[in-house]
């Protein structure tokens, strides 16, 4: 008998709602949902959308952004991809493509409107949520809590308690942001790594 979670994972994997939109992008690619979650995971990584390398690999964060994110969290690759402990749920499951200038397109609203609430419900209670980038901040925290944009939201990390951490996107394009905001590495990351280690260690 197929379990409900398997049905949802399969349904997302089969989704082609955005096929026409993707075909009209500069990349003219086919949908390829990257689905990486299992109910019972203790740590949620809520991201933005797969990039071109993840679209090719079919596995989330198999790119330099993933290397940086794993360093931020203090996780090895084996820990990061442990489906029993870590759920990786982007705001859109497919690579949105590039525009004519080669810039990343935003996650299609159709995707998270269709799937996100169902996925969150299927995951159940979580011990720690890592919110990566402005799209994830706004969906999970609400627009009012994200006033001032990504920098202001991340700077208010202490106000969210020990179980939610808003992060900037770990793209290497944000290296300048990290240099302008040294408090992120000096203050936030040590606390984040300790909390991640606690959650991953707890049984």
N, C-alpha and C. Protein backbone atom coordinates (compact mmCIF):
# COMPACT_ATOMS: atom_id res chain seq x y z
N UNK A 1 0.86 -1.20 0.00
CA UNK A 1 0.00 0.00 0.00
C UNK A 1 0.89 1.24 0.00
N UNK A 2 0.60 2.20 -0.86
CA UNK A 2 1.40 3.42 -0.95
C UNK A 2 1.10 4.32 0.23
N UNK A 3 2.13 4.80 0.90
CA UNK A 3 1.96 5.69 2.03
C UNK A 3 1.64 7.09 1.53
N UNK A 4 0.90 7.91 2.34
CA UNK A 4 0.54 9.27 1.90
C UNK A 4 1.74 10.11 1.53
N UNK A 5 2.84 10.00 2.28
CA UNK A 5 4.00 10.83 1.97
C UNK A 5 4.59 10.46 0.62
N UNK A 6 4.55 9.14 0.28
CA UNK A 6 5.08 8.71 -1.00
C UNK A 6 4.22 9.25 -2.13
N UNK A 7 2.90 9.32 -1.90
CA UNK A 7 1.99 9.86 -2.90
C UNK A 7 2.29 11.33 -3.16
N UNK A 8 2.54 12.11 -2.11
CA UNK A 8 2.83 13.53 -2.27
C UNK A 8 4.18 13.72 -2.97
N UNK A 9 5.19 13.00 -2.56
CA UNK A 9 6.50 13.10 -3.20
C UNK A 9 6.39 12.76 -4.68
N UNK A 10 5.65 11.71 -4.99
CA UNK A 10 5.48 11.31 -6.38
C UNK A 10 4.72 12.36 -7.18
N UNK A 11 3.68 12.93 -6.56
CA UNK A 11 2.89 13.95 -7.25
C UNK A 11 3.74 15.17 -7.57
N UNK A 12 4.58 15.59 -6.64
CA UNK A 12 5.46 16.74 -6.91
C UNK A 12 6.47 16.37 -7.99
N UNK A 13 7.03 15.17 -7.88
CA UNK A 13 7.99 14.73 -8.88
C UNK A 13 7.43 14.68 -10.29
N UNK A 14 6.12 14.43 -10.39
CA UNK A 14 5.45 14.34 -11.70
C UNK A 14 4.91 15.68 -12.19
N UNK A 15 5.02 16.73 -11.36
CA UNK A 15 4.38 18.01 -11.68
C UNK A 15 4.97 18.63 -12.94
N UNK A 16 4.09 19.13 -13.81
CA UNK A 16 4.50 19.83 -15.04
C UNK A 16 3.73 21.14 -15.22
N UNK A 17 3.26 21.71 -14.10
CA UNK A 17 2.44 22.90 -14.17
C UNK A 17 3.14 24.07 -14.86
N UNK A 18 4.46 24.17 -14.72
CA UNK A 18 5.20 25.32 -15.23
C UNK A 18 5.92 25.03 -16.54
N UNK A 19 5.58 23.94 -17.21
CA UNK A 19 6.31 23.53 -18.42
C UNK A 19 6.32 24.63 -19.49
N UNK A 20 5.18 25.24 -19.73
CA UNK A 20 5.12 26.28 -20.77
C UNK A 20 5.95 27.50 -20.37
N UNK A 21 5.91 27.85 -19.09
CA UNK A 21 6.71 28.99 -18.63
C UNK A 21 8.20 28.71 -18.79
N UNK A 22 8.65 27.53 -18.43
CA UNK A 22 10.07 27.19 -18.54
C UNK A 22 10.51 27.15 -20.01
N UNK A 23 9.65 26.65 -20.86
CA UNK A 23 9.98 26.58 -22.29
C UNK A 23 10.18 27.98 -22.88
N UNK A 24 9.57 28.98 -22.27
CA UNK A 24 9.66 30.35 -22.78
C UNK A 24 10.84 31.12 -22.20
N UNK A 25 11.61 30.51 -21.28
CA UNK A 25 12.77 31.20 -20.71
C UNK A 25 13.97 31.09 -21.65
N UNK A 26 15.03 31.80 -21.31
CA UNK A 26 16.26 31.75 -22.10
C UNK A 26 16.87 30.36 -22.10
N UNK A 27 16.62 29.60 -21.04
CA UNK A 27 17.17 28.24 -20.95
C UNK A 27 16.28 27.19 -21.63
N UNK A 28 15.00 27.52 -21.83
CA UNK A 28 14.06 26.64 -22.54
C UNK A 28 14.15 25.19 -22.04
N UNK A 29 14.12 25.02 -20.72
CA UNK A 29 14.32 23.70 -20.12
C UNK A 29 12.99 23.04 -19.75
N UNK A 30 13.07 21.75 -19.55
CA UNK A 30 11.92 20.98 -19.09
C UNK A 30 11.84 21.04 -17.56
N UNK A 31 10.65 20.87 -16.99
CA UNK A 31 10.56 20.78 -15.53
C UNK A 31 11.33 19.56 -15.02
N UNK A 32 11.98 19.74 -13.87
CA UNK A 32 12.58 18.62 -13.18
C UNK A 32 12.51 18.90 -11.68
N UNK A 33 11.37 18.58 -11.06
CA UNK A 33 11.24 18.85 -9.62
C UNK A 33 12.30 18.09 -8.82
N UNK A 34 12.94 18.82 -7.90
CA UNK A 34 13.94 18.22 -7.01
C UNK A 34 13.28 18.11 -5.63
N UNK A 35 12.93 16.91 -5.25
CA UNK A 35 12.11 16.66 -4.06
C UNK A 35 12.98 15.94 -3.02
N UNK A 36 13.13 16.55 -1.83
CA UNK A 36 14.03 15.98 -0.83
C UNK A 36 13.45 16.21 0.57
N UNK A 37 12.42 15.46 0.90
CA UNK A 37 11.87 15.56 2.25
C UNK A 37 11.19 14.25 2.62
N UNK A 38 11.06 14.07 3.92
CA UNK A 38 10.40 12.89 4.47
C UNK A 38 9.77 13.32 5.80
N UNK A 39 8.52 12.97 6.05
CA UNK A 39 7.93 13.31 7.35
C UNK A 39 8.78 12.77 8.49
N UNK A 40 8.85 13.55 9.56
CA UNK A 40 9.64 13.15 10.71
C UNK A 40 11.00 13.81 10.77
N UNK A 41 11.41 14.50 9.70
CA UNK A 41 12.69 15.20 9.72
C UNK A 41 12.69 16.24 10.84
N UNK A 42 13.81 16.36 11.52
CA UNK A 42 13.89 17.27 12.66
C UNK A 42 14.37 18.66 12.27
N UNK A 43 15.01 18.76 11.10
CA UNK A 43 15.57 20.03 10.65
C UNK A 43 15.03 20.35 9.26
N UNK A 44 14.41 21.51 9.11
CA UNK A 44 13.90 21.97 7.83
C UNK A 44 14.83 23.04 7.26
N UNK A 45 15.27 22.84 6.03
CA UNK A 45 15.98 23.87 5.29
C UNK A 45 15.02 24.37 4.21
N UNK A 46 14.51 25.57 4.40
CA UNK A 46 13.55 26.15 3.46
C UNK A 46 14.32 27.09 2.53
N UNK A 47 14.45 26.70 1.29
CA UNK A 47 15.26 27.46 0.35
C UNK A 47 14.45 28.23 -0.65
N UNK A 48 15.08 28.59 -1.75
CA UNK A 48 14.46 29.42 -2.78
C UNK A 48 14.00 28.58 -3.97
N UNK A 49 14.94 28.08 -4.76
CA UNK A 49 14.64 27.25 -5.91
C UNK A 49 15.94 26.62 -6.39
N UNK A 50 15.89 25.46 -7.01
CA UNK A 50 17.11 24.85 -7.54
C UNK A 50 17.76 25.74 -8.60
N UNK A 51 19.10 25.71 -8.64
CA UNK A 51 19.83 26.37 -9.71
C UNK A 51 20.10 25.40 -10.84
N UNK A 52 20.86 25.86 -11.82
CA UNK A 52 21.12 25.04 -13.01
C UNK A 52 21.87 23.75 -12.66
N UNK A 53 22.83 23.82 -11.73
CA UNK A 53 23.58 22.61 -11.38
C UNK A 53 22.70 21.60 -10.66
N UNK A 54 21.82 22.09 -9.81
CA UNK A 54 20.90 21.19 -9.12
C UNK A 54 19.89 20.60 -10.10
N UNK A 55 19.46 21.40 -11.05
CA UNK A 55 18.58 20.89 -12.10
C UNK A 55 19.23 19.72 -12.83
N UNK A 56 20.54 19.81 -13.05
CA UNK A 56 21.26 18.75 -13.75
C UNK A 56 21.46 17.53 -12.86
N UNK A 57 21.73 17.76 -11.57
CA UNK A 57 22.06 16.64 -10.68
C UNK A 57 20.83 15.95 -10.10
N UNK A 58 19.73 16.71 -9.93
CA UNK A 58 18.54 16.15 -9.31
C UNK A 58 18.65 16.04 -7.80
N UNK A 59 19.65 16.69 -7.21
CA UNK A 59 19.86 16.64 -5.76
C UNK A 59 20.07 18.06 -5.27
N UNK A 60 19.41 18.49 -4.17
CA UNK A 60 19.49 19.89 -3.76
C UNK A 60 20.88 20.31 -3.29
N UNK A 61 21.23 21.54 -3.60
CA UNK A 61 22.46 22.17 -3.12
C UNK A 61 23.73 21.43 -3.53
N UNK A 62 23.75 20.86 -4.73
CA UNK A 62 24.98 20.26 -5.25
C UNK A 62 25.72 21.32 -6.08
N UNK A 63 26.11 22.38 -5.41
CA UNK A 63 26.74 23.52 -6.07
C UNK A 63 27.52 24.30 -5.02
N UNK A 64 28.25 25.35 -5.41
CA UNK A 64 29.00 26.12 -4.41
C UNK A 64 28.12 26.70 -3.30
N UNK A 65 26.86 27.03 -3.61
CA UNK A 65 25.96 27.51 -2.57
C UNK A 65 25.76 26.45 -1.50
N UNK A 66 25.66 25.20 -1.93
CA UNK A 66 25.51 24.11 -0.97
C UNK A 66 26.74 23.94 -0.11
N UNK A 67 27.91 24.09 -0.70
CA UNK A 67 29.15 23.99 0.08
C UNK A 67 29.16 25.04 1.19
N UNK A 68 28.78 26.26 0.82
CA UNK A 68 28.77 27.35 1.80
C UNK A 68 27.71 27.11 2.86
N UNK A 69 26.52 26.66 2.45
CA UNK A 69 25.45 26.42 3.41
C UNK A 69 25.85 25.33 4.40
N UNK A 70 26.44 24.25 3.91
CA UNK A 70 26.87 23.19 4.83
C UNK A 70 27.92 23.70 5.81
N UNK A 71 28.79 24.58 5.35
CA UNK A 71 29.77 25.18 6.26
C UNK A 71 29.06 26.04 7.31
N UNK A 72 28.10 26.84 6.88
CA UNK A 72 27.35 27.65 7.84
C UNK A 72 26.69 26.79 8.91
N UNK A 73 26.14 25.65 8.50
CA UNK A 73 25.40 24.79 9.43
C UNK A 73 26.31 23.86 10.23
N UNK A 74 27.54 23.68 9.77
CA UNK A 74 28.44 22.75 10.43
C UNK A 74 28.08 21.30 10.17
N UNK A 75 27.55 21.01 8.98
CA UNK A 75 27.11 19.65 8.63
C UNK A 75 28.00 19.07 7.54
N UNK A 76 28.26 17.78 7.65
CA UNK A 76 28.92 17.05 6.58
C UNK A 76 27.90 16.78 5.48
N UNK A 77 28.38 16.34 4.32
CA UNK A 77 27.45 15.98 3.24
C UNK A 77 26.52 14.86 3.67
N UNK A 78 27.05 13.85 4.35
CA UNK A 78 26.22 12.73 4.78
C UNK A 78 25.12 13.20 5.73
N UNK A 79 25.45 14.08 6.64
CA UNK A 79 24.44 14.60 7.56
C UNK A 79 23.41 15.45 6.81
N UNK A 80 23.89 16.30 5.93
CA UNK A 80 23.03 17.23 5.20
C UNK A 80 21.99 16.48 4.36
N UNK A 81 22.39 15.35 3.78
CA UNK A 81 21.48 14.61 2.90
C UNK A 81 20.79 13.44 3.59
N UNK A 82 20.80 13.42 4.92
CA UNK A 82 20.12 12.38 5.69
C UNK A 82 18.62 12.69 5.73
N UNK A 83 17.86 12.01 4.90
CA UNK A 83 16.43 12.30 4.77
C UNK A 83 15.64 12.04 6.05
N UNK A 84 16.16 11.19 6.92
CA UNK A 84 15.46 10.94 8.17
C UNK A 84 15.57 12.11 9.14
N UNK A 85 16.56 12.98 8.91
CA UNK A 85 16.78 14.09 9.83
C UNK A 85 16.61 15.46 9.18
N UNK A 86 16.87 15.56 7.89
CA UNK A 86 16.88 16.87 7.22
C UNK A 86 15.91 16.87 6.05
N UNK A 87 14.99 17.84 6.04
CA UNK A 87 14.10 18.06 4.90
C UNK A 87 14.53 19.35 4.21
N UNK A 88 14.70 19.29 2.90
CA UNK A 88 15.10 20.46 2.11
C UNK A 88 13.94 20.81 1.19
N UNK A 89 13.26 21.91 1.52
CA UNK A 89 12.02 22.26 0.82
C UNK A 89 12.13 23.68 0.27
N UNK A 90 12.39 23.84 -1.02
CA UNK A 90 12.48 25.19 -1.61
C UNK A 90 11.11 25.78 -1.86
N UNK A 91 11.07 27.05 -2.15
CA UNK A 91 9.81 27.70 -2.49
C UNK A 91 9.31 27.27 -3.86
N UNK A 92 10.20 26.77 -4.71
CA UNK A 92 9.81 26.16 -5.98
C UNK A 92 10.71 24.95 -6.17
N UNK A 93 10.14 23.85 -6.60
CA UNK A 93 10.89 22.60 -6.69
C UNK A 93 11.70 22.48 -7.97
N UNK A 94 11.41 23.31 -8.97
CA UNK A 94 12.14 23.25 -10.24
C UNK A 94 13.02 24.49 -10.42
N UNK A 95 14.05 24.32 -11.21
CA UNK A 95 14.90 25.44 -11.66
C UNK A 95 14.03 26.39 -12.48
N UNK A 96 13.90 27.66 -12.07
CA UNK A 96 13.03 28.59 -12.80
C UNK A 96 13.61 29.05 -14.14
N UNK A 97 14.94 28.92 -14.30
CA UNK A 97 15.58 29.37 -15.53
C UNK A 97 16.16 30.75 -15.40
N UNK A 98 16.74 31.24 -16.50
CA UNK A 98 17.34 32.57 -16.56
C UNK A 98 16.54 33.45 -17.52
N UNK A 99 16.63 34.74 -17.28
CA UNK A 99 16.03 35.66 -18.24
C UNK A 99 17.03 35.95 -19.36
N UNK A 100 16.68 36.84 -20.27
CA UNK A 100 17.52 37.09 -21.44
C UNK A 100 18.87 37.68 -21.08
N UNK A 101 18.98 38.27 -19.88
CA UNK A 101 20.26 38.84 -19.43
C UNK A 101 21.09 37.84 -18.63
N UNK A 102 20.57 36.63 -18.46
CA UNK A 102 21.29 35.62 -17.70
C UNK A 102 21.08 35.68 -16.21
N UNK A 103 20.10 36.46 -15.76
CA UNK A 103 19.79 36.57 -14.33
C UNK A 103 18.81 35.49 -13.92
N UNK A 104 18.90 35.06 -12.65
CA UNK A 104 17.98 34.05 -12.14
C UNK A 104 16.55 34.59 -12.14
N UNK A 105 15.62 33.79 -12.61
CA UNK A 105 14.21 34.12 -12.49
C UNK A 105 13.72 33.75 -11.09
N UNK A 106 12.71 34.43 -10.56
CA UNK A 106 12.22 34.12 -9.21
C UNK A 106 11.48 32.78 -9.20
N UNK A 107 11.34 32.17 -8.04
CA UNK A 107 10.55 30.94 -7.94
C UNK A 107 9.12 31.20 -8.40
N UNK A 108 8.57 30.37 -9.27
CA UNK A 108 7.19 30.59 -9.71
C UNK A 108 6.20 30.51 -8.55
N UNK A 109 5.35 31.51 -8.42
CA UNK A 109 4.37 31.52 -7.34
C UNK A 109 3.43 30.33 -7.44
N UNK A 110 3.19 29.85 -8.65
CA UNK A 110 2.30 28.71 -8.85
C UNK A 110 2.77 27.48 -8.08
N UNK A 111 4.09 27.33 -8.00
CA UNK A 111 4.64 26.13 -7.35
C UNK A 111 4.33 26.13 -5.86
N UNK A 112 4.72 27.19 -5.17
CA UNK A 112 4.49 27.15 -3.72
C UNK A 112 3.01 27.26 -3.38
N UNK A 113 2.22 27.92 -4.23
CA UNK A 113 0.78 27.97 -3.99
C UNK A 113 0.16 26.58 -4.09
N UNK A 114 0.70 25.75 -4.97
CA UNK A 114 0.16 24.41 -5.18
C UNK A 114 0.64 23.42 -4.13
N UNK A 115 1.90 23.49 -3.74
CA UNK A 115 2.50 22.41 -2.97
C UNK A 115 2.93 22.76 -1.55
N UNK A 116 3.27 24.00 -1.28
CA UNK A 116 4.02 24.28 -0.06
C UNK A 116 3.24 23.95 1.22
N UNK A 117 2.01 24.38 1.31
CA UNK A 117 1.23 24.11 2.53
C UNK A 117 1.07 22.60 2.74
N UNK A 118 0.88 21.85 1.65
CA UNK A 118 0.74 20.40 1.77
C UNK A 118 2.02 19.76 2.27
N UNK A 119 3.14 20.24 1.77
CA UNK A 119 4.42 19.68 2.23
C UNK A 119 4.64 19.99 3.70
N UNK A 120 4.41 21.24 4.11
CA UNK A 120 4.60 21.60 5.51
C UNK A 120 3.70 20.78 6.43
N UNK A 121 2.48 20.54 6.00
CA UNK A 121 1.57 19.73 6.79
C UNK A 121 2.07 18.29 6.90
N UNK A 122 2.61 17.76 5.81
CA UNK A 122 3.09 16.38 5.82
C UNK A 122 4.32 16.19 6.69
N UNK A 123 5.12 17.24 6.83
CA UNK A 123 6.35 17.12 7.62
C UNK A 123 6.07 16.99 9.11
N UNK A 124 4.98 17.60 9.57
CA UNK A 124 4.68 17.54 10.98
C UNK A 124 5.57 18.49 11.78
N UNK A 125 5.66 18.23 13.09
CA UNK A 125 6.45 19.10 13.97
C UNK A 125 7.93 19.02 13.63
N UNK A 126 8.59 20.17 13.70
CA UNK A 126 10.03 20.24 13.42
C UNK A 126 10.72 20.91 14.59
N UNK A 127 11.97 20.55 14.83
CA UNK A 127 12.73 21.13 15.94
C UNK A 127 13.47 22.39 15.54
N UNK A 128 13.81 22.51 14.27
CA UNK A 128 14.59 23.66 13.83
C UNK A 128 14.28 23.96 12.37
N UNK A 129 14.06 25.24 12.07
CA UNK A 129 13.80 25.68 10.70
C UNK A 129 14.86 26.69 10.29
N UNK A 130 15.51 26.42 9.16
CA UNK A 130 16.51 27.31 8.58
C UNK A 130 15.88 27.93 7.34
N UNK A 131 15.71 29.23 7.34
CA UNK A 131 15.02 29.93 6.24
C UNK A 131 16.06 30.65 5.40
N UNK A 132 16.24 30.19 4.18
CA UNK A 132 17.34 30.67 3.32
C UNK A 132 16.80 31.61 2.25
N UNK A 133 17.09 32.90 2.38
CA UNK A 133 16.72 33.87 1.35
C UNK A 133 15.36 34.51 1.59
N UNK A 134 15.16 35.63 0.91
CA UNK A 134 13.98 36.45 1.13
C UNK A 134 12.65 35.77 0.83
N UNK A 135 12.60 34.95 -0.22
CA UNK A 135 11.34 34.27 -0.54
C UNK A 135 10.91 33.36 0.60
N UNK A 136 11.86 32.60 1.16
CA UNK A 136 11.54 31.71 2.28
C UNK A 136 11.20 32.51 3.53
N UNK A 137 11.90 33.62 3.76
CA UNK A 137 11.59 34.47 4.92
C UNK A 137 10.13 34.91 4.87
N UNK A 138 9.71 35.43 3.72
CA UNK A 138 8.37 36.00 3.63
C UNK A 138 7.29 34.94 3.78
N UNK A 139 7.49 33.75 3.22
CA UNK A 139 6.46 32.71 3.30
C UNK A 139 6.34 32.19 4.73
N UNK A 140 7.46 31.93 5.36
CA UNK A 140 7.42 31.28 6.67
C UNK A 140 7.23 32.27 7.83
N UNK A 141 7.67 33.51 7.66
CA UNK A 141 7.57 34.48 8.74
C UNK A 141 6.45 35.49 8.53
N UNK A 142 6.02 35.66 7.28
CA UNK A 142 5.04 36.68 6.94
C UNK A 142 5.73 37.97 6.53
N UNK A 143 5.08 38.72 5.68
CA UNK A 143 5.71 39.93 5.14
C UNK A 143 5.96 40.98 6.22
N UNK A 144 5.09 41.06 7.21
CA UNK A 144 5.28 42.06 8.26
C UNK A 144 6.56 41.82 9.05
N UNK A 145 6.90 40.57 9.26
CA UNK A 145 8.10 40.23 10.02
C UNK A 145 9.37 40.43 9.20
N UNK A 146 9.20 40.65 7.90
CA UNK A 146 10.36 40.79 7.01
C UNK A 146 10.55 42.23 6.54
N UNK A 147 10.03 43.16 7.29
CA UNK A 147 10.18 44.57 6.92
C UNK A 147 11.67 44.92 6.87
N UNK A 148 12.03 45.70 5.88
CA UNK A 148 13.42 46.11 5.76
C UNK A 148 14.27 45.20 4.89
N UNK A 149 13.69 44.11 4.40
CA UNK A 149 14.41 43.23 3.50
C UNK A 149 15.24 42.17 4.21
N UNK A 150 16.06 41.48 3.43
CA UNK A 150 16.79 40.32 3.93
C UNK A 150 17.75 40.70 5.05
N UNK A 151 18.52 41.77 4.87
CA UNK A 151 19.50 42.15 5.89
C UNK A 151 18.83 42.42 7.22
N UNK A 152 17.75 43.19 7.21
CA UNK A 152 17.05 43.52 8.45
C UNK A 152 16.44 42.27 9.07
N UNK A 153 15.90 41.38 8.25
CA UNK A 153 15.29 40.16 8.78
C UNK A 153 16.34 39.27 9.43
N UNK A 154 17.47 39.08 8.77
CA UNK A 154 18.53 38.25 9.34
C UNK A 154 19.07 38.89 10.61
N UNK A 155 19.17 40.22 10.64
CA UNK A 155 19.69 40.92 11.81
C UNK A 155 18.78 40.75 13.03
N UNK A 156 17.51 40.42 12.80
CA UNK A 156 16.58 40.20 13.92
C UNK A 156 16.53 38.73 14.34
N UNK A 157 17.54 37.96 14.03
CA UNK A 157 17.51 36.52 14.27
C UNK A 157 17.27 36.16 15.74
N UNK A 158 17.80 36.96 16.65
CA UNK A 158 17.62 36.65 18.07
C UNK A 158 16.16 36.74 18.49
N UNK A 159 15.37 37.58 17.80
CA UNK A 159 13.96 37.77 18.16
C UNK A 159 13.10 36.56 17.83
N UNK A 160 13.62 35.67 17.00
CA UNK A 160 12.81 34.54 16.53
C UNK A 160 12.95 33.30 17.41
N UNK A 161 13.80 33.37 18.40
CA UNK A 161 13.95 32.25 19.31
C UNK A 161 14.94 31.23 18.80
N UNK A 162 15.12 30.14 19.53
CA UNK A 162 16.19 29.19 19.18
C UNK A 162 15.84 28.21 18.06
N UNK A 163 14.61 28.24 17.57
CA UNK A 163 14.19 27.20 16.63
C UNK A 163 13.95 27.69 15.21
N UNK A 164 14.22 28.97 14.94
CA UNK A 164 14.08 29.53 13.60
C UNK A 164 15.27 30.46 13.35
N UNK A 165 15.96 30.23 12.23
CA UNK A 165 17.07 31.10 11.85
C UNK A 165 16.88 31.56 10.41
N UNK A 166 16.70 32.87 10.19
CA UNK A 166 16.69 33.39 8.82
C UNK A 166 18.12 33.64 8.34
N UNK A 167 18.44 33.18 7.15
CA UNK A 167 19.78 33.35 6.59
C UNK A 167 19.70 34.04 5.24
N UNK A 168 20.76 34.72 4.83
CA UNK A 168 20.84 35.18 3.44
C UNK A 168 21.05 33.97 2.55
N UNK A 169 20.88 34.16 1.25
CA UNK A 169 21.18 33.04 0.35
C UNK A 169 22.68 32.80 0.36
N UNK A 170 23.12 31.54 0.37
CA UNK A 170 24.56 31.26 0.42
C UNK A 170 25.29 31.38 -0.91
N UNK A 171 24.63 31.97 -1.89
CA UNK A 171 25.28 32.18 -3.19
C UNK A 171 26.58 32.94 -3.03
N UNK A 172 27.55 32.60 -3.88
CA UNK A 172 28.82 33.33 -3.85
C UNK A 172 28.65 34.77 -4.34
N UNK A 173 27.52 35.08 -4.92
CA UNK A 173 27.22 36.47 -5.26
C UNK A 173 27.03 37.32 -4.00
N UNK A 174 26.79 36.67 -2.87
CA UNK A 174 26.58 37.40 -1.62
C UNK A 174 27.86 37.55 -0.80
N UNK A 175 29.00 37.27 -1.37
CA UNK A 175 30.26 37.42 -0.65
C UNK A 175 30.46 38.85 -0.17
N UNK A 176 30.11 39.82 -0.99
CA UNK A 176 30.23 41.22 -0.58
C UNK A 176 29.31 41.52 0.60
N UNK A 177 28.11 40.93 0.60
CA UNK A 177 27.18 41.12 1.73
C UNK A 177 27.81 40.62 3.02
N UNK A 178 28.46 39.47 2.96
CA UNK A 178 29.08 38.90 4.15
C UNK A 178 30.19 39.81 4.67
N UNK A 179 30.93 40.43 3.77
CA UNK A 179 32.00 41.34 4.20
C UNK A 179 31.41 42.61 4.83
N UNK A 180 30.27 43.05 4.32
CA UNK A 180 29.64 44.26 4.88
C UNK A 180 28.95 43.99 6.21
N UNK A 181 28.68 42.74 6.50
CA UNK A 181 27.93 42.37 7.70
C UNK A 181 28.68 41.31 8.50
N UNK A 182 29.82 41.69 9.10
CA UNK A 182 30.64 40.70 9.81
C UNK A 182 29.95 40.06 11.00
N UNK A 183 28.92 40.71 11.55
CA UNK A 183 28.17 40.15 12.67
C UNK A 183 27.54 38.80 12.32
N UNK A 184 27.28 38.57 11.03
CA UNK A 184 26.67 37.31 10.63
C UNK A 184 27.58 36.13 10.99
N UNK A 185 28.84 36.21 10.60
CA UNK A 185 29.79 35.14 10.91
C UNK A 185 30.21 35.14 12.37
N UNK A 186 30.33 36.33 12.95
CA UNK A 186 30.84 36.42 14.31
C UNK A 186 29.80 36.09 15.38
N UNK A 187 28.55 36.49 15.15
CA UNK A 187 27.52 36.34 16.18
C UNK A 187 26.51 35.23 15.86
N UNK A 188 25.96 35.26 14.65
CA UNK A 188 24.89 34.33 14.31
C UNK A 188 25.41 32.90 14.09
N UNK A 189 26.45 32.74 13.27
CA UNK A 189 26.87 31.39 12.88
C UNK A 189 27.29 30.51 14.05
N UNK A 190 28.02 30.98 15.04
CA UNK A 190 28.34 30.09 16.15
C UNK A 190 27.11 29.56 16.88
N UNK A 191 26.10 30.42 17.05
CA UNK A 191 24.87 29.99 17.71
C UNK A 191 24.11 29.00 16.83
N UNK A 192 24.06 29.29 15.54
CA UNK A 192 23.39 28.40 14.60
C UNK A 192 24.04 27.01 14.61
N UNK A 193 25.35 26.96 14.54
CA UNK A 193 26.03 25.66 14.49
C UNK A 193 25.79 24.85 15.76
N UNK A 194 25.78 25.53 16.90
CA UNK A 194 25.51 24.81 18.16
C UNK A 194 24.10 24.26 18.16
N UNK A 195 23.14 25.06 17.67
CA UNK A 195 21.74 24.61 17.67
C UNK A 195 21.55 23.45 16.68
N UNK A 196 22.17 23.54 15.51
CA UNK A 196 22.08 22.46 14.54
C UNK A 196 22.67 21.18 15.13
N UNK A 197 23.82 21.28 15.78
CA UNK A 197 24.45 20.10 16.38
C UNK A 197 23.55 19.48 17.44
N UNK A 198 22.89 20.30 18.24
CA UNK A 198 21.97 19.78 19.27
C UNK A 198 20.83 19.02 18.63
N UNK A 199 20.24 19.61 17.61
CA UNK A 199 19.07 19.00 16.97
C UNK A 199 19.45 17.71 16.24
N UNK A 200 20.58 17.70 15.59
CA UNK A 200 21.00 16.50 14.88
C UNK A 200 21.41 15.39 15.84
N UNK A 201 21.86 15.76 17.03
CA UNK A 201 22.32 14.77 18.01
C UNK A 201 21.16 14.19 18.80
N UNK A 202 20.13 14.98 19.05
CA UNK A 202 19.01 14.53 19.87
C UNK A 202 18.30 13.34 19.23
N UNK A 203 17.87 12.44 20.06
CA UNK A 203 17.07 11.30 19.58
C UNK A 203 15.63 11.47 20.00
